[in-house]
Amino acid sequence: MKKAFASLPSTTELTPTILNDLVSKVFVEAPNKSDGKRRQNIHISYDLVGILPELNTPIHEEMA
């Protein structure tokens, strides 16, 4: 496991290249509009750890 992270540069910025190295799959569920608001669940599968447990902090973002 240390070898996988040893190849990553020491940085404080998450670049597209680093993100591509860490993420293996992205699962997007169908939108849910049952409460009048559009909500959509997204699950990210990371290399080495899989899908992390859900954080109970919703992300509020206005969709145009």
N, C-alpha and C. Protein backbone atom coordinates (compact mmCIF):
# COMPACT_ATOMS: atom_id res chain seq x y z
N MET A 1 0.83 -1.19 0.00
CA MET A 1 0.00 0.00 0.00
C MET A 1 0.87 1.26 0.00
N LYS A 2 1.96 1.24 0.74
CA LYS A 2 2.84 2.40 0.76
C LYS A 2 3.44 2.66 -0.61
N LYS A 3 3.66 1.61 -1.39
CA LYS A 3 4.23 1.79 -2.72
C LYS A 3 3.28 2.57 -3.62
N ALA A 4 1.97 2.35 -3.47
CA ALA A 4 1.00 3.05 -4.30
C ALA A 4 1.03 4.55 -4.03
N PHE A 5 1.20 4.93 -2.78
CA PHE A 5 1.22 6.35 -2.44
C PHE A 5 2.61 6.96 -2.61
N ALA A 6 3.63 6.14 -2.63
CA ALA A 6 4.99 6.65 -2.82
C ALA A 6 5.16 7.27 -4.20
N SER A 7 4.39 6.80 -5.17
CA SER A 7 4.51 7.34 -6.52
C SER A 7 3.82 8.70 -6.67
N LEU A 8 2.98 9.08 -5.69
CA LEU A 8 2.30 10.37 -5.74
C LEU A 8 3.23 11.47 -5.27
N PRO A 9 3.20 12.61 -5.93
CA PRO A 9 4.07 13.71 -5.50
C PRO A 9 3.59 14.30 -4.17
N SER A 10 4.50 14.88 -3.44
CA SER A 10 4.16 15.55 -2.19
C SER A 10 3.61 16.92 -2.55
N THR A 11 2.31 17.09 -2.39
CA THR A 11 1.66 18.34 -2.80
C THR A 11 0.45 18.60 -1.91
N THR A 12 0.00 19.83 -1.88
CA THR A 12 -1.21 20.18 -1.14
C THR A 12 -2.38 20.42 -2.09
N GLU A 13 -2.13 20.28 -3.39
CA GLU A 13 -3.16 20.51 -4.40
C GLU A 13 -3.59 19.19 -5.03
N LEU A 14 -4.90 19.02 -5.16
CA LEU A 14 -5.44 17.82 -5.79
C LEU A 14 -5.60 18.11 -7.29
N THR A 15 -4.72 17.53 -8.08
CA THR A 15 -4.74 17.77 -9.52
C THR A 15 -5.56 16.67 -10.21
N PRO A 16 -6.00 16.89 -11.46
CA PRO A 16 -6.72 15.84 -12.18
C PRO A 16 -5.91 14.55 -12.30
N THR A 17 -4.62 14.65 -12.47
CA THR A 17 -3.78 13.45 -12.59
C THR A 17 -3.79 12.64 -11.31
N ILE A 18 -3.64 13.31 -10.17
CA ILE A 18 -3.66 12.61 -8.88
C ILE A 18 -5.03 12.01 -8.64
N LEU A 19 -6.08 12.75 -8.94
CA LEU A 19 -7.44 12.25 -8.75
C LEU A 19 -7.68 11.00 -9.60
N ASN A 20 -7.22 11.00 -10.85
CA ASN A 20 -7.36 9.83 -11.72
C ASN A 20 -6.61 8.63 -11.17
N ASP A 21 -5.49 8.86 -10.50
CA ASP A 21 -4.73 7.76 -9.90
C ASP A 21 -5.43 7.18 -8.68
N LEU A 22 -6.20 7.99 -7.95
CA LEU A 22 -6.83 7.54 -6.71
C LEU A 22 -8.23 6.95 -6.90
N VAL A 23 -8.97 7.39 -7.92
CA VAL A 23 -10.36 6.97 -8.12
C VAL A 23 -10.41 5.87 -9.17
N SER A 24 -11.14 4.77 -8.84
CA SER A 24 -11.25 3.70 -9.82
C SER A 24 -12.60 3.73 -10.56
N LYS A 25 -13.69 4.09 -9.84
CA LYS A 25 -15.02 4.14 -10.47
C LYS A 25 -15.86 5.22 -9.80
N VAL A 26 -16.82 5.75 -10.57
CA VAL A 26 -17.80 6.69 -10.03
C VAL A 26 -19.18 6.15 -10.40
N PHE A 27 -20.03 5.95 -9.39
CA PHE A 27 -21.39 5.45 -9.60
C PHE A 27 -22.37 6.59 -9.35
N VAL A 28 -23.22 6.87 -10.35
CA VAL A 28 -24.20 7.96 -10.24
C VAL A 28 -25.59 7.33 -10.29
N GLU A 29 -26.38 7.56 -9.23
CA GLU A 29 -27.74 7.02 -9.17
C GLU A 29 -28.70 7.93 -9.94
N ALA A 30 -29.86 7.39 -10.24
CA ALA A 30 -30.89 8.16 -10.92
C ALA A 30 -31.37 9.30 -10.00
N PRO A 31 -31.75 10.44 -10.58
CA PRO A 31 -32.23 11.55 -9.75
C PRO A 31 -33.52 11.20 -9.02
N ASN A 32 -33.67 11.76 -7.83
CA ASN A 32 -34.87 11.57 -7.02
C ASN A 32 -35.53 12.93 -6.87
N LYS A 33 -36.77 13.06 -7.33
CA LYS A 33 -37.49 14.33 -7.24
C LYS A 33 -38.75 14.20 -6.39
N SER A 34 -38.82 13.18 -5.52
CA SER A 34 -40.03 12.89 -4.78
C SER A 34 -40.42 13.97 -3.77
N ASP A 35 -39.47 14.75 -3.26
CA ASP A 35 -39.79 15.79 -2.29
C ASP A 35 -39.84 17.18 -2.91
N GLY A 36 -39.87 17.24 -4.23
CA GLY A 36 -39.93 18.52 -4.92
C GLY A 36 -38.56 19.10 -5.25
N LYS A 37 -37.53 18.54 -4.67
CA LYS A 37 -36.16 18.98 -4.95
C LYS A 37 -35.43 17.84 -5.67
N ARG A 38 -34.57 18.21 -6.56
CA ARG A 38 -33.80 17.20 -7.30
C ARG A 38 -32.60 16.79 -6.47
N ARG A 39 -32.51 15.51 -6.15
CA ARG A 39 -31.38 14.98 -5.39
C ARG A 39 -30.82 13.78 -6.15
N GLN A 40 -29.51 13.65 -6.10
CA GLN A 40 -28.86 12.57 -6.83
C GLN A 40 -27.67 12.07 -6.00
N ASN A 41 -27.63 10.78 -5.75
CA ASN A 41 -26.53 10.19 -4.98
C ASN A 41 -25.38 9.81 -5.90
N ILE A 42 -24.18 10.06 -5.43
CA ILE A 42 -22.97 9.71 -6.15
C ILE A 42 -22.07 8.93 -5.21
N HIS A 43 -21.56 7.79 -5.67
CA HIS A 43 -20.66 6.96 -4.88
C HIS A 43 -19.33 6.87 -5.63
N ILE A 44 -18.24 7.13 -4.92
CA ILE A 44 -16.91 7.10 -5.53
C ILE A 44 -16.15 5.91 -4.97
N SER A 45 -15.64 5.07 -5.85
CA SER A 45 -14.84 3.92 -5.46
C SER A 45 -13.37 4.28 -5.64
N TYR A 46 -12.64 4.27 -4.53
CA TYR A 46 -11.22 4.63 -4.55
C TYR A 46 -10.36 3.38 -4.67
N ASP A 47 -9.24 3.49 -5.35
CA ASP A 47 -8.26 2.40 -5.39
C ASP A 47 -7.82 2.12 -3.96
N LEU A 48 -7.60 0.87 -3.67
CA LEU A 48 -7.08 0.39 -2.39
C LEU A 48 -8.10 0.37 -1.25
N VAL A 49 -9.13 1.22 -1.25
CA VAL A 49 -10.08 1.25 -0.13
C VAL A 49 -11.52 0.99 -0.53
N GLY A 50 -11.86 1.12 -1.79
CA GLY A 50 -13.23 0.91 -2.24
C GLY A 50 -14.10 2.13 -1.97
N ILE A 51 -15.39 1.89 -1.73
CA ILE A 51 -16.34 2.97 -1.47
C ILE A 51 -16.33 3.26 0.02
N LEU A 52 -16.10 4.52 0.37
CA LEU A 52 -16.08 4.92 1.77
C LEU A 52 -17.49 5.06 2.29
N PRO A 53 -17.70 4.89 3.61
CA PRO A 53 -19.04 5.06 4.17
C PRO A 53 -19.55 6.48 3.91
N GLU A 54 -20.86 6.60 3.84
CA GLU A 54 -21.48 7.88 3.55
C GLU A 54 -21.23 8.87 4.67
N LEU A 55 -20.88 10.09 4.29
CA LEU A 55 -20.77 11.17 5.26
C LEU A 55 -22.16 11.76 5.44
N ASN A 56 -22.53 12.05 6.64
CA ASN A 56 -23.87 12.59 6.89
C ASN A 56 -23.91 14.10 6.75
N THR A 57 -23.13 14.62 5.84
CA THR A 57 -23.10 16.04 5.55
C THR A 57 -23.54 16.25 4.11
N PRO A 58 -24.79 16.65 3.89
CA PRO A 58 -25.23 16.86 2.50
C PRO A 58 -24.55 18.06 1.89
N ILE A 59 -24.34 17.97 0.60
CA ILE A 59 -23.75 19.08 -0.16
C ILE A 59 -24.89 19.83 -0.83
N HIS A 60 -25.04 21.09 -0.48
CA HIS A 60 -26.11 21.91 -1.06
C HIS A 60 -25.54 22.74 -2.20
N GLU A 61 -26.04 22.48 -3.36
CA GLU A 61 -25.55 23.20 -4.53
C GLU A 61 -26.73 23.48 -5.44
N GLU A 62 -26.86 24.71 -5.83
CA GLU A 62 -27.93 25.10 -6.73
C GLU A 62 -27.62 24.62 -8.14
N MET A 63 -28.56 23.97 -8.76
CA MET A 63 -28.40 23.54 -10.14
C MET A 63 -29.14 24.52 -11.03
N ALA A 64 -28.47 25.03 -12.04
CA ALA A 64 -29.10 26.00 -12.95
C ALA A 64 -29.82 25.27 -14.05
